[in-house]
Amino acid sequence: MSGKFRLKKASNGQFQFNLEAGNGQPILSSEQYKAKDSALNGIESVRKNAVREGAFEPLTAKDGRPYFVLKASNGQVIGQSQMYASAASCNQGMESVKKHAPEALLVDETLAG
């Protein structure tokens, strides 16, 4: 099963997306965007940057759990992962983004209802 970008409208009216692995688990989440077009541009940026060398930055939360961010070529963070139990699972998460992002389908939930 392939990955999906799921675009949603938050309760505050802003737009956010998640990249989900084939099993439906979110592997990367965006910031909130005021405009839908900005969120769609963010998805395209994830598609492009997921395969760019040096785009991923592994980090450690205050509680010691590893996570990562994906950065655009200008250094801006375009997505953040969940918290992981180990560095190995964090590395698997980065590989999953690299694998799924370029061809992931877009599921636009802002069109419903």
Protein backbone atom coordinates (compact mmCIF):
# COMPACT_ATOMS: atom_id res chain seq x y z
CA MET A 1 0.00 0.00 0.00
CA SER A 2 1.25 3.46 -0.83
CA GLY A 3 1.35 6.57 1.31
CA LYS A 4 -1.15 9.42 1.36
CA PHE A 5 -1.14 13.10 2.10
CA ARG A 6 -4.28 13.85 4.11
CA LEU A 7 -5.25 17.54 3.96
CA LYS A 8 -7.60 18.72 6.72
CA LYS A 9 -9.13 21.94 7.95
CA ALA A 10 -8.50 22.55 11.65
CA SER A 11 -11.15 23.83 14.05
CA ASN A 12 -9.55 27.29 13.83
CA GLY A 13 -10.13 27.36 10.06
CA GLN A 14 -6.49 26.79 9.13
CA PHE A 15 -5.17 23.96 6.95
CA GLN A 16 -2.81 21.16 7.92
CA PHE A 17 -1.64 17.94 6.31
CA ASN A 18 -0.19 14.63 7.41
CA LEU A 19 1.81 12.21 5.33
CA GLU A 20 0.60 8.73 6.19
CA ALA A 21 2.41 5.46 5.57
CA GLY A 22 0.64 2.65 3.75
CA ASN A 23 -0.75 1.40 7.08
CA GLY A 24 -2.45 4.76 7.74
CA GLN A 25 -0.02 5.86 10.47
CA PRO A 26 1.05 9.52 10.25
CA ILE A 27 4.80 9.79 9.62
CA LEU A 28 5.06 13.55 9.02
CA SER A 29 2.84 16.47 10.06
CA SER A 30 2.84 20.02 8.76
CA GLU A 31 2.42 23.33 10.49
CA GLN A 32 -0.94 25.07 10.12
CA TYR A 33 -1.44 27.26 7.07
CA LYS A 34 -3.90 30.15 6.76
CA ALA A 35 -4.58 29.42 3.07
CA LYS A 36 -5.31 26.10 1.40
CA ASP A 37 -2.96 26.99 -1.48
CA SER A 38 -0.14 27.41 1.02
CA ALA A 39 -0.83 23.95 2.45
CA LEU A 40 -0.85 22.48 -1.08
CA ASN A 41 2.49 24.19 -1.74
CA GLY A 42 3.75 22.63 1.50
CA ILE A 43 2.78 19.17 0.22
CA GLU A 44 4.68 19.79 -3.02
CA SER A 45 7.67 20.95 -0.99
CA VAL A 46 7.59 17.71 1.03
CA ARG A 47 7.45 15.69 -2.22
CA LYS A 48 10.53 17.49 -3.57
CA ASN A 49 12.58 17.71 -0.38
CA ALA A 50 11.95 14.17 0.89
CA VAL A 51 14.50 12.90 -1.64
CA ARG A 52 16.98 15.77 -1.19
CA GLU A 53 20.25 14.91 0.51
CA GLY A 54 20.51 16.59 3.91
CA ALA A 55 16.81 17.54 4.12
CA PHE A 56 16.15 15.49 7.27
CA GLU A 57 17.34 16.61 10.68
CA PRO A 58 17.14 14.07 13.52
CA LEU A 59 16.46 15.74 16.87
CA THR A 60 15.86 14.76 20.49
CA ALA A 61 12.91 16.00 22.55
CA LYS A 62 13.37 17.26 26.12
CA ASP A 63 12.22 13.87 27.42
CA GLY A 64 14.93 12.14 25.39
CA ARG A 65 12.73 10.68 22.65
CA PRO A 66 14.01 11.01 19.08
CA TYR A 67 12.08 12.67 16.26
CA PHE A 68 12.94 14.39 13.00
CA VAL A 69 12.06 17.42 10.93
CA LEU A 70 12.10 17.79 7.16
CA LYS A 71 13.52 21.09 5.91
CA ALA A 72 13.21 22.89 2.60
CA SER A 73 16.40 23.95 0.82
CA ASN A 74 16.05 27.39 2.48
CA GLY A 75 16.22 25.76 5.92
CA GLN A 76 12.54 26.22 6.77
CA VAL A 77 10.89 23.27 8.54
CA ILE A 78 8.09 21.86 6.37
CA GLY A 79 7.17 18.85 8.46
CA GLN A 80 7.79 17.14 11.78
CA SER A 81 7.55 13.50 12.77
CA GLN A 82 5.97 11.89 15.77
CA MET A 83 8.11 11.00 18.78
CA TYR A 84 9.84 7.64 18.52
CA ALA A 85 10.93 5.12 21.13
CA SER A 86 14.40 4.65 19.62
CA ALA A 87 16.84 6.21 17.17
CA ALA A 88 16.44 3.13 14.95
CA SER A 89 12.68 3.62 14.66
CA CYS A 90 13.25 7.34 13.99
CA ASN A 91 15.60 6.40 11.13
CA GLN A 92 12.93 4.04 9.78
CA GLY A 93 10.48 6.96 9.88
CA MET A 94 12.81 9.11 7.77
CA GLU A 95 13.21 6.27 5.27
CA SER A 96 9.44 5.89 5.14
CA VAL A 97 8.99 9.57 4.27
CA LYS A 98 11.63 9.26 1.53
CA LYS A 99 9.81 6.22 0.16
CA HIS A 100 6.21 7.45 0.35
CA ALA A 101 6.26 11.24 -0.13
CA PRO A 102 7.19 11.55 -3.83
CA GLU A 103 4.27 9.42 -5.10
CA ALA A 104 1.77 9.78 -2.24
CA LEU A 105 -1.85 10.40 -3.21
CA LEU A 106 -3.59 13.54 -1.96
CA VAL A 107 -6.74 12.98 0.07
CA ASP A 108 -8.42 16.38 0.38
CA GLU A 109 -10.78 16.21 3.36
CA THR A 110 -11.52 19.93 3.12
CA LEU A 111 -13.94 19.20 0.25
CA ALA A 112 -16.26 17.02 2.33
CA GLY A 113 -19.51 18.34 3.69
